[in-house]
C-alpha atoms as a PDB file:
ATOM      1  CA  PRO A   1    -195.493 101.680-113.201  1.00  0.00           C
ATOM      2  CA  VAL A   2    -196.584 102.151-109.664  1.00  0.00           C
ATOM      3  CA  LEU A   3    -199.294  99.955-108.262  1.00  0.00           C
ATOM      4  CA  ALA A   4    -201.859 101.441-105.908  1.00  0.00           C
ATOM      5  CA  ALA A   5    -204.179  99.177-104.010  1.00  0.00           C
ATOM      6  CA  THR A   6    -206.433  99.086-101.007  1.00  0.00           C
ATOM      7  CA  LEU A   7    -205.728  96.769 -98.056  1.00  0.00           C
ATOM      8  CA  THR A   8    -208.532  94.771 -96.628  1.00  0.00           C
ATOM      9  CA  GLY A   9    -208.751  93.607 -93.089  1.00  0.00           C
ATOM     10  CA  CYS A  10    -205.723  95.406 -91.689  1.00  0.00           C
ATOM     11  CA  GLY A  11    -207.620  97.859 -89.515  1.00  0.00           C
ATOM     12  CA  ASP A  12    -205.568 100.412 -87.615  1.00  0.00           C
ATOM     13  CA  ASP A  13    -202.497  98.205 -87.237  1.00  0.00           C
ATOM     14  CA  ALA A  14    -199.199  99.797 -88.157  1.00  0.00           C
ATOM     15  CA  PRO A  15    -197.534  98.316 -91.203  1.00  0.00           C
ATOM     16  CA  ASP A  16    -195.091  95.536 -90.371  1.00  0.00           C
ATOM     17  CA  GLU A  17    -192.794  93.068 -92.165  1.00  0.00           C
ATOM     18  CA  ALA A  18    -195.601  90.587 -92.915  1.00  0.00           C
ATOM     19  CA  LEU A  19    -197.794  93.328 -94.445  1.00  0.00           C
ATOM     20  CA  ALA A  20    -194.896  94.625 -96.491  1.00  0.00           C
ATOM     21  CA  VAL A  21    -194.148  91.153 -97.799  1.00  0.00           C
ATOM     22  CA  THR A  22    -197.761  90.470 -98.654  1.00  0.00           C
ATOM     23  CA  SER A  23    -198.223  93.885-100.341  1.00  0.00           C
ATOM     24  CA  CYS A  24    -195.098  93.349-102.416  1.00  0.00           C
ATOM     25  CA  GLU A  25    -196.263  89.954-103.563  1.00  0.00           C
ATOM     26  CA  SER A  26    -199.236  91.735-105.024  1.00  0.00           C
ATOM     27  CA  ILE A  27    -197.027  94.279-106.727  1.00  0.00           C
ATOM     28  CA  VAL A  28    -194.765  91.625-108.191  1.00  0.00           C
ATOM     29  CA  LYS A  29    -197.621  89.500-109.353  1.00  0.00           C
ATOM     30  CA  ASP A  30    -198.985  92.465-111.284  1.00  0.00           C
ATOM     31  CA  LYS A  31    -195.764  92.512-113.354  1.00  0.00           C
ATOM     32  CA  LEU A  32    -195.755  88.767-114.214  1.00  0.00           C
ATOM     33  CA  ARG A  33    -197.050  87.196-117.420  1.00  0.00           C
ATOM     34  CA  ASP A  34    -198.820  84.447-115.454  1.00  0.00           C
ATOM     35  CA  PRO A  35    -199.473  85.768-111.931  1.00  0.00           C
ATOM     36  CA  SER A  36    -201.373  82.647-110.864  1.00  0.00           C
ATOM     37  CA  SER A  37    -198.205  80.529-111.282  1.00  0.00           C
ATOM     38  CA  ALA A  38    -196.113  82.653-108.832  1.00  0.00           C
ATOM     39  CA  GLU A  39    -194.320  80.820-106.061  1.00  0.00           C
ATOM     40  CA  PHE A  40    -192.516  83.098-103.577  1.00  0.00           C
ATOM     41  CA  SER A  41    -189.530  82.198-101.417  1.00  0.00           C
ATOM     42  CA  ASP A  42    -186.614  83.792 -99.429  1.00  0.00           C
ATOM     43  CA  GLN A  43    -188.736  86.797 -98.634  1.00  0.00           C
ATOM     44  CA  SER A  44    -187.909  89.477 -96.106  1.00  0.00           C
ATOM     45  CA  ALA A  45    -188.689  93.130 -95.488  1.00  0.00           C
ATOM     46  CA  THR A  46    -186.935  96.010 -93.762  1.00  0.00           C
ATOM     47  CA  GLY A  47    -188.319  99.397 -92.877  1.00  0.00           C
ATOM     48  CA  SER A  48    -190.339 101.148 -90.352  1.00  0.00           C
ATOM     49  CA  GLY A  49    -193.442 103.331 -90.127  1.00  0.00           C
ATOM     50  CA  ASN A  50    -194.980 103.629 -93.620  1.00  0.00           C
ATOM     51  CA  GLU A  51    -191.864 102.942 -95.749  1.00  0.00           C
ATOM     52  CA  TRP A  52    -190.785  99.363 -96.345  1.00  0.00           C
ATOM     53  CA  THR A  53    -188.569  97.456 -98.791  1.00  0.00           C
ATOM     54  CA  SER A  54    -189.090  93.758 -99.478  1.00  0.00           C
ATOM     55  CA  THR A  55    -186.790  91.363-101.329  1.00  0.00           C
ATOM     56  CA  GLY A  56    -187.175  87.765-102.318  1.00  0.00           C
ATOM     57  CA  THR A  57    -187.361  85.175-105.080  1.00  0.00           C
ATOM     58  CA  VAL A  58    -190.346  84.362-107.263  1.00  0.00           C
ATOM     59  CA  ARG A  59    -190.668  81.390-109.587  1.00  0.00           C
ATOM     60  CA  ALA A  60    -193.266  81.884-112.327  1.00  0.00           C
ATOM     61  CA  ARG A  61    -194.307  80.786-115.801  1.00  0.00           C
ATOM     62  CA  ASN A  62    -192.916  82.830-118.698  1.00  0.00           C
ATOM     63  CA  GLY A  63    -194.455  83.456-122.100  1.00  0.00           C
ATOM     64  CA  PHE A  64    -193.238  80.091-123.456  1.00  0.00           C
ATOM     65  CA  GLY A  65    -194.798  78.134-120.588  1.00  0.00           C
ATOM     66  CA  GLY A  66    -191.522  77.375-118.802  1.00  0.00           C
ATOM     67  CA  MET A  67    -190.879  78.174-115.170  1.00  0.00           C
ATOM     68  CA  VAL A  68    -188.206  80.841-114.495  1.00  0.00           C
ATOM     69  CA  VAL A  69    -186.693  82.026-111.266  1.00  0.00           C
ATOM     70  CA  MET A  70    -186.398  85.736-110.652  1.00  0.00           C
ATOM     71  CA  SER A  71    -185.270  87.873-107.732  1.00  0.00           C
ATOM     72  CA  TYR A  72    -187.119  91.064-106.843  1.00  0.00           C
ATOM     73  CA  GLU A  73    -186.804  94.226-104.776  1.00  0.00           C
ATOM     74  CA  CYS A  74    -189.952  96.100-103.971  1.00  0.00           C
ATOM     75  CA  ASP A  75    -190.489  99.445-102.284  1.00  0.00           C
ATOM     76  CA  VAL A  76    -193.883  99.997-100.711  1.00  0.00           C
ATOM     77  CA  THR A  77    -195.462 102.968 -98.954  1.00  0.00           C
ATOM     78  CA  PHE A  78    -198.549 102.729 -96.739  1.00  0.00           C
ATOM     79  CA  ASP A  79    -201.094 105.482 -96.403  1.00  0.00           C
ATOM     80  CA  GLY A  80    -203.992 104.377 -94.172  1.00  0.00           C
ATOM     81  CA  ASP A  81    -205.715 101.459 -95.802  1.00  0.00           C
ATOM     82  CA  GLU A  82    -203.940 101.952 -99.144  1.00  0.00           C
ATOM     83  CA  PHE A  83    -200.468 101.198-100.410  1.00  0.00           C
ATOM     84  CA  THR A  84    -198.393 102.144-103.400  1.00  0.00           C
ATOM     85  CA  GLY A  85    -195.141 100.644-104.628  1.00  0.00           C
ATOM     86  CA  SER A  86    -192.957  99.426-107.358  1.00  0.00           C
ATOM     87  CA  ALA A  87    -190.839  96.392-107.971  1.00  0.00           C
ATOM     88  CA  ASP A  88    -187.737  95.593-109.966  1.00  0.00           C
ATOM     89  CA  ILE A  89    -187.629  91.981-111.080  1.00  0.00           C
ATOM     90  CA  THR A  90    -184.370  90.361-112.389  1.00  0.00           C
ATOM     91  CA  ALA A  91    -183.978  86.938-113.949  1.00  0.00           C
ATOM     92  CA  GLU A  92    -181.445  84.778-112.128  1.00  0.00           C
END
């Protein structure tokens, strides 16, 4: 599934690495069983203009209550104050 969301407080600034990382965190959290338990690390983003890819690691609670570590790759596209994207999450 592709997540579409509206950005708040970003004004007319061009998308950058920080915005791509933050947007992808939202996309990844949307796919987790317990989004509030998500702890992100090793994040980076590459791209330019409105097309970005972010990668990183997320540690989150699974359905059994245990914490699992997963890696993710997320593609995000910005269109004005909105973004759409998708993420692939892989258990490590």
